[in-house]
């Protein structure tokens, strides 16, 4: 089965609403390049079968994910997460860290900024990329 995920750019938080308008847009083809970069590292363990997970993360100036910034997207999972949700989150986190070691293909305007990326990891199937 093919494992796929989607990309969403979170353009600020509720506290930083004015920054939304300044967040760079993602051009056509950029979500696909990011998907292709992370796809080889995405493997959903059997203990999380059927779980979809969305994470958010920040990248450094070289496009590498900042490990401490990788969290479940706000409101995605209940607190505390169920064991399958925790397994899915850990697998998504590992995928981003493994495939992002040399930097991820994102627009330079997104690098080293406080605007987090949100990645949605699906157990299988077609996804919608923003």
N, C-alpha and C. Protein backbone atom coordinates (compact mmCIF):
# COMPACT_ATOMS: atom_id res chain seq x y z
N UNK A 1 0.83 -1.18 0.00
CA UNK A 1 0.00 0.00 0.00
C UNK A 1 0.87 1.25 0.00
N UNK A 2 0.46 2.22 -0.73
CA UNK A 2 1.22 3.45 -0.83
C UNK A 2 0.82 4.40 0.29
N UNK A 3 1.80 4.99 0.95
CA UNK A 3 1.56 5.93 2.05
C UNK A 3 1.80 7.34 1.52
N UNK A 4 0.85 8.23 1.75
CA UNK A 4 0.92 9.57 1.19
C UNK A 4 0.55 10.59 2.26
N UNK A 5 1.00 11.81 2.08
CA UNK A 5 0.64 12.88 3.01
C UNK A 5 0.42 14.17 2.25
N UNK A 6 -0.15 15.13 2.93
CA UNK A 6 -0.46 16.43 2.32
C UNK A 6 0.29 17.53 3.04
N UNK A 7 0.44 18.65 2.39
CA UNK A 7 1.12 19.81 2.96
C UNK A 7 0.16 20.96 3.12
N UNK A 8 0.24 21.62 4.26
CA UNK A 8 -0.55 22.82 4.51
C UNK A 8 0.40 23.82 5.13
N UNK A 9 0.31 25.06 4.76
CA UNK A 9 1.10 26.10 5.40
C UNK A 9 0.21 26.81 6.40
N UNK A 10 0.58 26.74 7.67
CA UNK A 10 -0.13 27.49 8.68
C UNK A 10 0.50 28.87 8.70
N UNK A 11 -0.28 29.86 8.42
CA UNK A 11 0.28 31.18 8.27
C UNK A 11 0.10 32.00 9.54
N UNK A 12 0.71 31.57 10.61
CA UNK A 12 0.66 32.31 11.86
C UNK A 12 -0.28 31.66 12.84
N UNK A 13 -0.41 32.26 13.98
CA UNK A 13 -1.30 31.75 15.01
C UNK A 13 -2.36 32.81 15.28
N UNK A 14 -3.30 32.49 16.15
CA UNK A 14 -4.34 33.45 16.51
C UNK A 14 -3.73 34.69 17.12
N UNK A 15 -2.59 34.56 17.80
CA UNK A 15 -1.94 35.70 18.43
C UNK A 15 -1.17 36.55 17.44
N UNK A 16 -0.85 35.99 16.29
CA UNK A 16 -0.05 36.70 15.31
C UNK A 16 -0.81 36.92 14.01
N UNK A 17 -2.08 37.19 14.11
CA UNK A 17 -2.93 37.32 12.93
C UNK A 17 -2.39 38.28 11.88
N UNK A 18 -1.80 39.43 12.23
CA UNK A 18 -1.31 40.32 11.18
C UNK A 18 -0.22 39.70 10.32
N UNK A 19 0.53 38.73 10.84
CA UNK A 19 1.60 38.10 10.06
C UNK A 19 1.05 37.19 8.96
N UNK A 20 -0.21 36.80 9.04
CA UNK A 20 -0.77 35.89 8.04
C UNK A 20 -0.62 36.43 6.63
N UNK A 21 -0.91 37.71 6.49
CA UNK A 21 -0.86 38.31 5.17
C UNK A 21 0.57 38.34 4.62
N UNK A 22 1.56 38.27 5.50
CA UNK A 22 2.95 38.34 5.07
C UNK A 22 3.54 36.95 4.80
N UNK A 23 2.83 35.91 5.17
CA UNK A 23 3.34 34.56 4.97
C UNK A 23 3.44 34.27 3.48
N UNK A 24 4.54 33.68 3.04
CA UNK A 24 4.71 33.39 1.62
C UNK A 24 3.74 32.31 1.16
N UNK A 25 3.27 32.45 -0.06
CA UNK A 25 2.37 31.45 -0.64
C UNK A 25 3.18 30.27 -1.14
N UNK A 26 2.57 29.14 -1.21
CA UNK A 26 3.21 27.94 -1.75
C UNK A 26 2.81 27.85 -3.22
N UNK A 27 3.80 27.83 -4.08
CA UNK A 27 3.56 27.81 -5.52
C UNK A 27 3.20 26.41 -5.99
N UNK A 28 2.63 26.36 -7.18
CA UNK A 28 2.27 25.08 -7.78
C UNK A 28 3.52 24.20 -7.91
N UNK A 29 3.40 22.94 -7.55
CA UNK A 29 4.51 22.00 -7.63
C UNK A 29 5.30 21.87 -6.35
N UNK A 30 5.26 22.89 -5.48
CA UNK A 30 6.04 22.82 -4.24
C UNK A 30 5.50 21.78 -3.26
N UNK A 31 4.17 21.66 -3.07
CA UNK A 31 3.70 20.58 -2.19
C UNK A 31 4.12 19.20 -2.69
N UNK A 32 4.09 18.98 -4.00
CA UNK A 32 4.46 17.69 -4.55
C UNK A 32 5.94 17.40 -4.32
N UNK A 33 6.79 18.41 -4.43
CA UNK A 33 8.23 18.21 -4.20
C UNK A 33 8.48 17.82 -2.75
N UNK A 34 7.76 18.45 -1.83
CA UNK A 34 7.91 18.11 -0.42
C UNK A 34 7.38 16.70 -0.15
N UNK A 35 6.26 16.36 -0.75
CA UNK A 35 5.71 15.00 -0.61
C UNK A 35 6.72 13.97 -1.10
N UNK A 36 7.31 14.21 -2.26
CA UNK A 36 8.27 13.26 -2.82
C UNK A 36 9.52 13.15 -1.95
N UNK A 37 9.88 14.21 -1.27
CA UNK A 37 11.06 14.19 -0.41
C UNK A 37 10.83 13.36 0.86
N UNK A 38 9.62 13.39 1.40
CA UNK A 38 9.34 12.71 2.66
C UNK A 38 8.73 11.33 2.46
N UNK A 39 8.06 11.13 1.35
CA UNK A 39 7.37 9.86 1.09
C UNK A 39 8.21 8.61 1.34
N UNK A 40 9.48 8.56 0.94
CA UNK A 40 10.26 7.33 1.15
C UNK A 40 10.46 6.97 2.63
N UNK A 41 10.31 7.93 3.51
CA UNK A 41 10.53 7.68 4.94
C UNK A 41 9.23 7.41 5.70
N UNK A 42 8.09 7.55 5.06
CA UNK A 42 6.79 7.40 5.75
C UNK A 42 6.35 5.95 5.73
N UNK A 43 6.30 5.36 6.89
CA UNK A 43 5.85 3.97 7.06
C UNK A 43 4.97 3.94 8.31
N UNK A 44 3.69 3.71 8.15
CA UNK A 44 2.78 3.65 9.29
C UNK A 44 2.86 2.26 9.92
N UNK A 45 3.26 2.18 11.19
CA UNK A 45 3.34 0.88 11.86
C UNK A 45 1.97 0.22 12.00
N UNK A 46 1.97 -1.09 12.11
CA UNK A 46 0.72 -1.85 12.24
C UNK A 46 -0.10 -1.40 13.44
N UNK A 47 0.55 -0.95 14.51
CA UNK A 47 -0.16 -0.51 15.71
C UNK A 47 -0.95 0.77 15.53
N UNK A 48 -0.85 1.37 14.35
CA UNK A 48 -1.57 2.62 14.08
C UNK A 48 -2.39 2.52 12.80
N UNK A 49 -2.75 1.32 12.42
CA UNK A 49 -3.49 1.11 11.17
C UNK A 49 -4.74 2.00 11.12
N UNK A 50 -4.89 2.69 10.00
CA UNK A 50 -6.07 3.51 9.78
C UNK A 50 -6.03 4.89 10.41
N UNK A 51 -4.94 5.25 11.09
CA UNK A 51 -4.86 6.56 11.76
C UNK A 51 -4.24 7.59 10.81
N UNK A 52 -4.89 8.73 10.69
CA UNK A 52 -4.35 9.87 9.97
C UNK A 52 -3.81 10.83 11.01
N UNK A 53 -2.67 11.43 10.73
CA UNK A 53 -2.05 12.33 11.71
C UNK A 53 -1.60 13.61 11.01
N UNK A 54 -1.81 14.73 11.68
CA UNK A 54 -1.30 16.00 11.18
C UNK A 54 -0.31 16.54 12.20
N UNK A 55 0.88 16.89 11.71
CA UNK A 55 1.89 17.47 12.57
C UNK A 55 2.22 18.87 12.08
N UNK A 56 2.78 19.67 12.97
CA UNK A 56 3.30 20.96 12.55
C UNK A 56 4.75 21.04 12.97
N UNK A 57 5.53 21.77 12.19
CA UNK A 57 6.95 21.87 12.45
C UNK A 57 7.51 23.16 11.88
N UNK A 58 8.68 23.52 12.35
CA UNK A 58 9.39 24.69 11.86
C UNK A 58 10.70 24.20 11.27
N UNK A 59 11.17 24.90 10.24
CA UNK A 59 12.42 24.55 9.57
C UNK A 59 13.50 25.58 9.90
N UNK A 60 14.76 25.12 9.92
CA UNK A 60 15.86 26.07 10.12
C UNK A 60 16.18 26.73 8.78
N UNK A 61 17.20 27.56 8.76
CA UNK A 61 17.54 28.32 7.56
C UNK A 61 17.99 27.45 6.40
N UNK A 62 18.37 26.19 6.67
CA UNK A 62 18.78 25.26 5.61
C UNK A 62 17.65 24.33 5.20
N UNK A 63 16.46 24.50 5.76
CA UNK A 63 15.32 23.66 5.42
C UNK A 63 15.23 22.38 6.21
N UNK A 64 16.06 22.24 7.24
CA UNK A 64 16.01 21.05 8.09
C UNK A 64 14.96 21.23 9.18
N UNK A 65 14.19 20.18 9.46
CA UNK A 65 13.18 20.29 10.52
C UNK A 65 13.84 20.46 11.88
N UNK A 66 13.28 21.34 12.70
CA UNK A 66 13.75 21.51 14.07
C UNK A 66 13.01 20.48 14.91
N UNK A 67 13.75 19.49 15.42
CA UNK A 67 13.15 18.35 16.12
C UNK A 67 12.20 18.77 17.24
N UNK A 68 12.58 19.76 18.02
CA UNK A 68 11.75 20.19 19.14
C UNK A 68 10.47 20.91 18.71
N UNK A 69 10.41 21.32 17.44
CA UNK A 69 9.22 22.02 16.96
C UNK A 69 8.15 21.08 16.43
N UNK A 70 8.46 19.81 16.27
CA UNK A 70 7.51 18.86 15.68
C UNK A 70 6.50 18.43 16.75
N UNK A 71 5.26 18.83 16.55
CA UNK A 71 4.18 18.53 17.49
C UNK A 71 2.93 18.14 16.71
N UNK A 72 1.98 17.48 17.37
CA UNK A 72 0.69 17.26 16.70
C UNK A 72 0.07 18.63 16.41
N UNK A 73 -0.55 18.78 15.26
CA UNK A 73 -1.20 20.05 14.94
C UNK A 73 -2.26 20.36 15.99
N UNK A 74 -2.39 21.62 16.32
CA UNK A 74 -3.32 22.04 17.37
C UNK A 74 -4.72 21.50 17.11
N UNK A 75 -5.25 20.79 18.10
CA UNK A 75 -6.60 20.26 18.02
C UNK A 75 -6.75 18.99 17.22
N UNK A 76 -5.64 18.46 16.69
CA UNK A 76 -5.76 17.28 15.85
C UNK A 76 -6.12 16.05 16.66
N UNK A 77 -5.45 15.83 17.80
CA UNK A 77 -5.70 14.69 18.66
C UNK A 77 -6.21 15.16 20.01
N UNK A 78 -7.01 14.34 20.66
CA UNK A 78 -7.43 14.69 22.02
C UNK A 78 -6.25 14.51 22.98
N UNK A 79 -6.34 15.13 24.11
CA UNK A 79 -5.31 14.95 25.15
C UNK A 79 -5.86 14.00 26.18
N UNK A 80 -5.17 12.98 26.56
CA UNK A 80 -3.96 12.46 25.93
C UNK A 80 -4.30 11.67 24.68
N UNK A 81 -3.28 11.46 23.85
CA UNK A 81 -3.47 10.68 22.63
C UNK A 81 -3.68 9.21 22.99
N UNK A 82 -4.43 8.52 22.16
CA UNK A 82 -4.58 7.08 22.32
C UNK A 82 -3.28 6.41 21.88
N UNK A 83 -3.04 5.17 22.27
CA UNK A 83 -1.81 4.49 21.82
C UNK A 83 -1.64 4.47 20.29
N UNK A 84 -2.69 4.17 19.49
CA UNK A 84 -2.49 4.22 18.03
C UNK A 84 -2.14 5.62 17.52
N UNK A 85 -2.73 6.65 18.12
CA UNK A 85 -2.41 8.02 17.72
C UNK A 85 -0.96 8.36 18.05
N UNK A 86 -0.50 7.93 19.21
CA UNK A 86 0.90 8.18 19.61
C UNK A 86 1.86 7.48 18.66
N UNK A 87 1.52 6.26 18.25
CA UNK A 87 2.37 5.51 17.32
C UNK A 87 2.41 6.22 15.97
N UNK A 88 1.25 6.69 15.48
CA UNK A 88 1.20 7.39 14.20
C UNK A 88 1.98 8.70 14.25
N UNK A 89 1.84 9.44 15.35
CA UNK A 89 2.59 10.69 15.49
C UNK A 89 4.09 10.42 15.48
N UNK A 90 4.54 9.42 16.23
CA UNK A 90 5.96 9.08 16.29
C UNK A 90 6.49 8.69 14.90
N UNK A 91 5.69 7.95 14.13
CA UNK A 91 6.10 7.54 12.79
C UNK A 91 6.21 8.75 11.86
N UNK A 92 5.27 9.68 11.94
CA UNK A 92 5.31 10.88 11.11
C UNK A 92 6.53 11.74 11.49
N UNK A 93 6.78 11.86 12.77
CA UNK A 93 7.93 12.64 13.25
C UNK A 93 9.24 12.03 12.73
N UNK A 94 9.36 10.71 12.81
CA UNK A 94 10.56 10.02 12.31
C UNK A 94 10.74 10.25 10.81
N UNK A 95 9.64 10.19 10.07
CA UNK A 95 9.72 10.37 8.62
C UNK A 95 10.27 11.75 8.27
N UNK A 96 9.76 12.77 8.94
CA UNK A 96 10.22 14.13 8.66
C UNK A 96 11.69 14.30 9.05
N UNK A 97 12.08 13.78 10.20
CA UNK A 97 13.46 13.92 10.64
C UNK A 97 14.43 13.15 9.74
N UNK A 98 14.05 11.94 9.34
CA UNK A 98 14.93 11.13 8.48
C UNK A 98 15.12 11.77 7.11
N UNK A 99 14.02 12.06 6.47
CA UNK A 99 14.11 12.58 5.10
C UNK A 99 14.46 14.07 5.06
N UNK A 100 14.40 14.74 6.18
CA UNK A 100 14.72 16.16 6.21
C UNK A 100 16.13 16.47 6.67
N UNK A 101 16.97 15.45 6.88
CA UNK A 101 18.33 15.66 7.39
C UNK A 101 19.15 16.62 6.54
N UNK A 102 18.97 16.57 5.23
CA UNK A 102 19.74 17.43 4.33
C UNK A 102 18.95 18.68 3.94
N UNK A 103 17.78 18.85 4.50
CA UNK A 103 16.92 19.99 4.15
C UNK A 103 15.79 19.55 3.25
N UNK A 104 14.65 20.20 3.40
CA UNK A 104 13.47 19.87 2.61
C UNK A 104 13.26 20.91 1.51
N UNK A 105 12.68 20.51 0.39
CA UNK A 105 12.48 21.43 -0.74
C UNK A 105 11.27 22.34 -0.50
N UNK A 106 11.50 23.43 0.19
CA UNK A 106 10.45 24.42 0.43
C UNK A 106 10.95 25.78 -0.05
N UNK A 107 10.05 26.71 -0.29
CA UNK A 107 10.48 28.04 -0.74
C UNK A 107 11.42 28.68 0.29
N UNK A 108 12.45 29.35 -0.19
CA UNK A 108 13.40 30.01 0.70
C UNK A 108 12.71 30.95 1.68
N UNK A 109 11.62 31.55 1.27
CA UNK A 109 10.91 32.49 2.14
C UNK A 109 10.35 31.82 3.39
N UNK A 110 10.21 30.50 3.38
CA UNK A 110 9.69 29.77 4.54
C UNK A 110 10.78 29.37 5.53
N UNK A 111 12.02 29.46 5.13
CA UNK A 111 13.11 28.96 5.95
C UNK A 111 13.45 29.91 7.09
N UNK A 112 13.63 29.34 8.28
CA UNK A 112 14.02 30.12 9.44
C UNK A 112 12.95 31.07 9.95
N UNK A 113 11.71 30.87 9.55
CA UNK A 113 10.60 31.73 9.97
C UNK A 113 9.81 31.07 11.09
N UNK A 114 8.96 31.84 11.72
CA UNK A 114 8.12 31.32 12.80
C UNK A 114 6.81 30.73 12.29
N UNK A 115 6.58 30.72 10.98
CA UNK A 115 5.36 30.15 10.43
C UNK A 115 5.56 28.65 10.28
N UNK A 116 4.83 27.86 11.05
CA UNK A 116 5.04 26.41 10.96
C UNK A 116 4.40 25.81 9.70
N UNK A 117 4.98 24.74 9.26
CA UNK A 117 4.38 23.92 8.21
C UNK A 117 3.51 22.89 8.90
N UNK A 118 2.43 22.52 8.26
CA UNK A 118 1.59 21.43 8.76
C UNK A 118 1.60 20.34 7.70
N UNK A 119 1.91 19.13 8.12
CA UNK A 119 1.94 17.98 7.23
C UNK A 119 0.90 16.98 7.69
N UNK A 120 0.05 16.54 6.78
CA UNK A 120 -0.96 15.54 7.10
C UNK A 120 -0.53 14.22 6.50
N UNK A 121 -0.36 13.21 7.34
CA UNK A 121 0.06 11.87 6.93
C UNK A 121 -1.15 10.96 6.94
N UNK A 122 -1.48 10.37 5.79
CA UNK A 122 -2.61 9.47 5.66
C UNK A 122 -2.09 8.04 5.59
N UNK A 123 -2.86 7.08 6.12
CA UNK A 123 -2.41 5.69 6.07
C UNK A 123 -2.31 5.19 4.63
N UNK A 124 -3.15 5.68 3.75
CA UNK A 124 -3.10 5.29 2.33
C UNK A 124 -4.06 6.16 1.54
N UNK A 125 -3.89 6.16 0.24
CA UNK A 125 -4.86 6.82 -0.64
C UNK A 125 -4.45 8.18 -1.13
N UNK A 126 -5.37 8.79 -1.84
CA UNK A 126 -5.17 10.10 -2.44
C UNK A 126 -5.40 11.17 -1.39
N UNK A 127 -4.60 12.23 -1.47
CA UNK A 127 -4.71 13.31 -0.49
C UNK A 127 -4.89 14.64 -1.21
N UNK A 128 -5.34 15.61 -0.46
CA UNK A 128 -5.46 16.97 -0.97
C UNK A 128 -4.28 17.76 -0.44
N UNK A 129 -3.49 18.37 -1.31
CA UNK A 129 -2.33 19.15 -0.90
C UNK A 129 -2.62 20.63 -1.10
N UNK A 130 -2.28 21.41 -0.10
CA UNK A 130 -2.46 22.86 -0.18
C UNK A 130 -1.13 23.53 -0.45
